[in-house]
């Protein structure tokens, strides 16, 4: 699965993105594809145990 999500455009705001469908994965790759002035990224990945309802 490959998808580009929009990010924030300043250093203080937060941007929330959700996957359109649940994903069962051992690893997740997060990669910045564009930036302004310098590249940086902060993120959280939220998940749940298999068989339980998602958040």
PDB file of N, CA and C in Angstrom:
ATOM      1  N   UNK A   1       0.851  -1.175   0.000  1.00  0.00           N
ATOM      2  CA  UNK A   1       0.000   0.000   0.000  1.00  0.00           C
ATOM      3  C   UNK A   1       0.892   1.232   0.000  1.00  0.00           C
ATOM      4  N   UNK A   2       0.654   2.138  -0.912  1.00  0.00           N
ATOM      5  CA  UNK A   2       1.398   3.389  -0.989  1.00  0.00           C
ATOM      6  C   UNK A   2       0.386   4.516  -1.060  1.00  0.00           C
ATOM      7  N   UNK A   3       0.533   5.488  -0.179  1.00  0.00           N
ATOM      8  CA  UNK A   3      -0.394   6.611  -0.170  1.00  0.00           C
ATOM      9  C   UNK A   3       0.333   7.844   0.319  1.00  0.00           C
ATOM     10  N   UNK A   4       0.067   8.977  -0.303  1.00  0.00           N
ATOM     11  CA  UNK A   4       0.638  10.249   0.133  1.00  0.00           C
ATOM     12  C   UNK A   4      -0.430  10.993   0.928  1.00  0.00           C
ATOM     13  N   UNK A   5      -0.063  11.385   2.144  1.00  0.00           N
ATOM     14  CA  UNK A   5      -0.960  12.137   3.011  1.00  0.00           C
ATOM     15  C   UNK A   5      -0.462  13.569   3.122  1.00  0.00           C
ATOM     16  N   UNK A   6      -1.361  14.556   3.137  1.00  0.00           N
ATOM     17  CA  UNK A   6      -0.928  15.941   3.317  1.00  0.00           C
ATOM     18  C   UNK A   6      -0.437  16.171   4.739  1.00  0.00           C
ATOM     19  N   UNK A   7       0.552  17.024   4.878  1.00  0.00           N
ATOM     20  CA  UNK A   7       1.088  17.363   6.195  1.00  0.00           C
ATOM     21  C   UNK A   7       0.835  18.820   6.519  1.00  0.00           C
ATOM     22  N   UNK A   8       1.352  19.247   7.656  1.00  0.00           N
ATOM     23  CA  UNK A   8       1.194  20.652   8.031  1.00  0.00           C
ATOM     24  C   UNK A   8       2.174  21.509   7.227  1.00  0.00           C
ATOM     25  N   UNK A   9       1.950  22.811   7.222  1.00  0.00           N
ATOM     26  CA  UNK A   9       2.797  23.720   6.449  1.00  0.00           C
ATOM     27  C   UNK A   9       3.567  24.683   7.339  1.00  0.00           C
ATOM     28  N   UNK A  10       3.501  24.498   8.649  1.00  0.00           N
ATOM     29  CA  UNK A  10       4.282  25.317   9.570  1.00  0.00           C
ATOM     30  C   UNK A  10       4.836  24.414  10.670  1.00  0.00           C
ATOM     31  N   UNK A  11       5.603  24.984  11.577  1.00  0.00           N
ATOM     32  CA  UNK A  11       6.268  24.158  12.582  1.00  0.00           C
ATOM     33  C   UNK A  11       5.421  23.878  13.821  1.00  0.00           C
ATOM     34  N   UNK A  12       4.271  24.505  13.960  1.00  0.00           N
ATOM     35  CA  UNK A  12       3.497  24.372  15.191  1.00  0.00           C
ATOM     36  C   UNK A  12       2.185  23.605  15.053  1.00  0.00           C
ATOM     37  N   UNK A  13       1.594  23.594  13.879  1.00  0.00           N
ATOM     38  CA  UNK A  13       0.287  22.951  13.744  1.00  0.00           C
ATOM     39  C   UNK A  13       0.429  21.431  13.641  1.00  0.00           C
ATOM     40  N   UNK A  14      -0.671  20.741  13.928  1.00  0.00           N
ATOM     41  CA  UNK A  14      -0.716  19.282  13.842  1.00  0.00           C
ATOM     42  C   UNK A  14      -1.643  18.896  12.705  1.00  0.00           C
ATOM     43  N   UNK A  15      -1.367  17.801  12.073  1.00  0.00           N
ATOM     44  CA  UNK A  15      -2.198  17.289  10.987  1.00  0.00           C
ATOM     45  C   UNK A  15      -2.527  15.835  11.296  1.00  0.00           C
ATOM     46  N   UNK A  16      -3.800  15.477  11.235  1.00  0.00           N
ATOM     47  CA  UNK A  16      -4.227  14.108  11.494  1.00  0.00           C
ATOM     48  C   UNK A  16      -4.676  13.469  10.188  1.00  0.00           C
ATOM     49  N   UNK A  17      -4.144  12.295   9.896  1.00  0.00           N
ATOM     50  CA  UNK A  17      -4.537  11.516   8.722  1.00  0.00           C
ATOM     51  C   UNK A  17      -4.901  10.117   9.186  1.00  0.00           C
ATOM     52  N   UNK A  18      -5.901   9.540   8.556  1.00  0.00           N
ATOM     53  CA  UNK A  18      -6.307   8.178   8.883  1.00  0.00           C
ATOM     54  C   UNK A  18      -6.241   7.320   7.626  1.00  0.00           C
ATOM     55  N   UNK A  19      -5.885   6.055   7.806  1.00  0.00           N
ATOM     56  CA  UNK A  19      -5.907   5.124   6.690  1.00  0.00           C
ATOM     57  C   UNK A  19      -7.355   4.825   6.331  1.00  0.00           C
ATOM     58  N   UNK A  20      -7.662   4.669   5.046  1.00  0.00           N
ATOM     59  CA  UNK A  20      -9.056   4.441   4.646  1.00  0.00           C
ATOM     60  C   UNK A  20      -9.608   3.091   5.100  1.00  0.00           C
ATOM     61  N   UNK A  21      -8.740   2.093   5.263  1.00  0.00           N
ATOM     62  CA  UNK A  21      -9.152   0.770   5.733  1.00  0.00           C
ATOM     63  C   UNK A  21      -8.119   0.267   6.734  1.00  0.00           C
ATOM     64  N   UNK A  22      -8.503  -0.640   7.629  1.00  0.00           N
ATOM     65  CA  UNK A  22      -7.531  -1.196   8.579  1.00  0.00           C
ATOM     66  C   UNK A  22      -6.395  -1.924   7.850  1.00  0.00           C
ATOM     67  N   UNK A  23      -5.220  -1.871   8.430  1.00  0.00           N
ATOM     68  CA  UNK A  23      -4.044  -2.518   7.851  1.00  0.00           C
ATOM     69  C   UNK A  23      -3.419  -3.411   8.917  1.00  0.00           C
ATOM     70  N   UNK A  24      -3.165  -4.650   8.567  1.00  0.00           N
ATOM     71  CA  UNK A  24      -2.442  -5.563   9.445  1.00  0.00           C
ATOM     72  C   UNK A  24      -0.997  -5.563   8.984  1.00  0.00           C
ATOM     73  N   UNK A  25      -0.087  -5.076   9.836  1.00  0.00           N
ATOM     74  CA  UNK A  25       1.311  -4.943   9.420  1.00  0.00           C
ATOM     75  C   UNK A  25       2.241  -5.099  10.605  1.00  0.00           C
ATOM     76  N   UNK A  26       3.412  -5.590  10.328  1.00  0.00           N
ATOM     77  CA  UNK A  26       4.464  -5.663  11.339  1.00  0.00           C
ATOM     78  C   UNK A  26       5.292  -4.380  11.308  1.00  0.00           C
ATOM     79  N   UNK A  27       5.472  -3.803  10.137  1.00  0.00           N
ATOM     80  CA  UNK A  27       6.282  -2.589   9.968  1.00  0.00           C
ATOM     81  C   UNK A  27       5.502  -1.565   9.155  1.00  0.00           C
ATOM     82  N   UNK A  28       5.773  -0.305   9.416  1.00  0.00           N
ATOM     83  CA  UNK A  28       5.182   0.801   8.662  1.00  0.00           C
ATOM     84  C   UNK A  28       6.313   1.734   8.270  1.00  0.00           C
ATOM     85  N   UNK A  29       6.372   2.121   6.999  1.00  0.00           N
ATOM     86  CA  UNK A  29       7.399   3.064   6.541  1.00  0.00           C
ATOM     87  C   UNK A  29       6.764   4.432   6.361  1.00  0.00           C
ATOM     88  N   UNK A  30       7.358   5.423   6.993  1.00  0.00           N
ATOM     89  CA  UNK A  30       6.941   6.819   6.857  1.00  0.00           C
ATOM     90  C   UNK A  30       8.080   7.543   6.156  1.00  0.00           C
ATOM     91  N   UNK A  31       7.787   8.212   5.051  1.00  0.00           N
ATOM     92  CA  UNK A  31       8.831   8.866   4.271  1.00  0.00           C
ATOM     93  C   UNK A  31       8.347  10.240   3.822  1.00  0.00           C
ATOM     94  N   UNK A  32       9.131  11.269   4.113  1.00  0.00           N
ATOM     95  CA  UNK A  32       8.809  12.623   3.650  1.00  0.00           C
ATOM     96  C   UNK A  32       9.093  12.705   2.151  1.00  0.00           C
ATOM     97  N   UNK A  33       8.136  13.211   1.383  1.00  0.00           N
ATOM     98  CA  UNK A  33       8.327  13.311  -0.067  1.00  0.00           C
ATOM     99  C   UNK A  33       8.479  14.754  -0.539  1.00  0.00           C
ATOM    100  N   UNK A  34       8.141  15.718   0.309  1.00  0.00           N
ATOM    101  CA  UNK A  34       8.378  17.131  -0.021  1.00  0.00           C
ATOM    102  C   UNK A  34       8.463  17.912   1.281  1.00  0.00           C
ATOM    103  N   UNK A  35       9.078  19.097   1.226  1.00  0.00           N
ATOM    104  CA  UNK A  35       9.250  19.896   2.432  1.00  0.00           C
ATOM    105  C   UNK A  35       9.545  21.340   2.056  1.00  0.00           C
ATOM    106  N   UNK A  36       9.506  22.198   3.083  1.00  0.00           N
ATOM    107  CA  UNK A  36       9.822  23.617   2.920  1.00  0.00           C
ATOM    108  C   UNK A  36      11.038  23.935   3.774  1.00  0.00           C
ATOM    109  N   UNK A  37      12.055  24.504   3.221  1.00  0.00           N
ATOM    110  CA  UNK A  37      13.305  24.917   3.866  1.00  0.00           C
ATOM    111  C   UNK A  37      14.141  23.737   4.348  1.00  0.00           C
ATOM    112  N   UNK A  38      13.643  22.910   5.235  1.00  0.00           N
ATOM    113  CA  UNK A  38      14.392  21.724   5.677  1.00  0.00           C
ATOM    114  C   UNK A  38      13.410  20.594   5.977  1.00  0.00           C
ATOM    115  N   UNK A  39      13.905  19.376   5.875  1.00  0.00           N
ATOM    116  CA  UNK A  39      13.037  18.217   6.088  1.00  0.00           C
ATOM    117  C   UNK A  39      13.013  17.842   7.570  1.00  0.00           C
ATOM    118  N   UNK A  40      11.841  17.610   8.086  1.00  0.00           N
ATOM    119  CA  UNK A  40      11.669  17.061   9.433  1.00  0.00           C
ATOM    120  C   UNK A  40      10.294  16.404   9.479  1.00  0.00           C
ATOM    121  N   UNK A  41      10.140  15.497  10.404  1.00  0.00           N
ATOM    122  CA  UNK A  41       8.874  14.779  10.497  1.00  0.00           C
ATOM    123  C   UNK A  41       8.663  14.319  11.931  1.00  0.00           C
ATOM    124  N   UNK A  42       7.441  14.416  12.403  1.00  0.00           N
ATOM    125  CA  UNK A  42       7.069  13.821  13.690  1.00  0.00           C
ATOM    126  C   UNK A  42       5.738  13.112  13.463  1.00  0.00           C
ATOM    127  N   UNK A  43       5.597  11.955  14.048  1.00  0.00           N
ATOM    128  CA  UNK A  43       4.388  11.185  13.799  1.00  0.00           C
ATOM    129  C   UNK A  43       4.137  10.195  14.923  1.00  0.00           C
ATOM    130  N   UNK A  44       2.909   9.758  15.013  1.00  0.00           N
ATOM    131  CA  UNK A  44       2.488   8.687  15.911  1.00  0.00           C
ATOM    132  C   UNK A  44       1.720   7.679  15.069  1.00  0.00           C
ATOM    133  N   UNK A  45       1.904   6.432  15.360  1.00  0.00           N
ATOM    134  CA  UNK A  45       1.112   5.376  14.740  1.00  0.00           C
ATOM    135  C   UNK A  45       0.311   4.721  15.854  1.00  0.00           C
ATOM    136  N   UNK A  46      -1.005   4.763  15.735  1.00  0.00           N
ATOM    137  CA  UNK A  46      -1.881   4.164  16.735  1.00  0.00           C
ATOM    138  C   UNK A  46      -2.407   2.842  16.200  1.00  0.00           C
ATOM    139  N   UNK A  47      -2.495   1.869  17.052  1.00  0.00           N
ATOM    140  CA  UNK A  47      -2.974   0.564  16.615  1.00  0.00           C
ATOM    141  C   UNK A  47      -3.726  -0.139  17.720  1.00  0.00           C
ATOM    142  N   UNK A  48      -4.145  -1.346  17.442  1.00  0.00           N
ATOM    143  CA  UNK A  48      -4.837  -2.159  18.430  1.00  0.00           C
ATOM    144  C   UNK A  48      -4.465  -3.620  18.212  1.00  0.00           C
ATOM    145  N   UNK A  49      -4.762  -4.456  19.177  1.00  0.00           N
ATOM    146  CA  UNK A  49      -4.483  -5.878  19.050  1.00  0.00           C
ATOM    147  C   UNK A  49      -5.459  -6.507  18.062  1.00  0.00           C
ATOM    148  N   UNK A  50      -4.997  -7.525  17.361  1.00  0.00           N
ATOM    149  CA  UNK A  50      -5.855  -8.232  16.402  1.00  0.00           C
ATOM    150  C   UNK A  50      -7.091  -8.774  17.107  1.00  0.00           C
ATOM    151  N   UNK A  51      -8.226  -8.663  16.445  1.00  0.00           N
ATOM    152  CA  UNK A  51      -9.463  -9.180  17.004  1.00  0.00           C
ATOM    153  C   UNK A  51     -10.226  -8.191  17.856  1.00  0.00           C
ATOM    154  N   UNK A  52      -9.627  -7.063  18.163  1.00  0.00           N
ATOM    155  CA  UNK A  52     -10.326  -6.033  18.941  1.00  0.00           C
ATOM    156  C   UNK A  52     -10.798  -4.931  18.012  1.00  0.00           C
ATOM    157  N   UNK A  53     -11.800  -4.208  18.461  1.00  0.00           N
ATOM    158  CA  UNK A  53     -12.287  -3.085  17.671  1.00  0.00           C
ATOM    159  C   UNK A  53     -11.234  -1.989  17.640  1.00  0.00           C
ATOM    160  N   UNK A  54     -11.066  -1.310  16.487  1.00  0.00           N
ATOM    161  CA  UNK A  54     -10.108  -0.198  16.424  1.00  0.00           C
ATOM    162  C   UNK A  54     -10.572   0.984  17.260  1.00  0.00           C
ATOM    163  N   UNK A  55      -9.669   1.911  17.491  1.00  0.00           N
ATOM    164  CA  UNK A  55      -9.962   3.096  18.296  1.00  0.00           C
ATOM    165  C   UNK A  55     -11.150   3.771  17.766  1.00  0.00           C
TER     166      UNK A  55
END
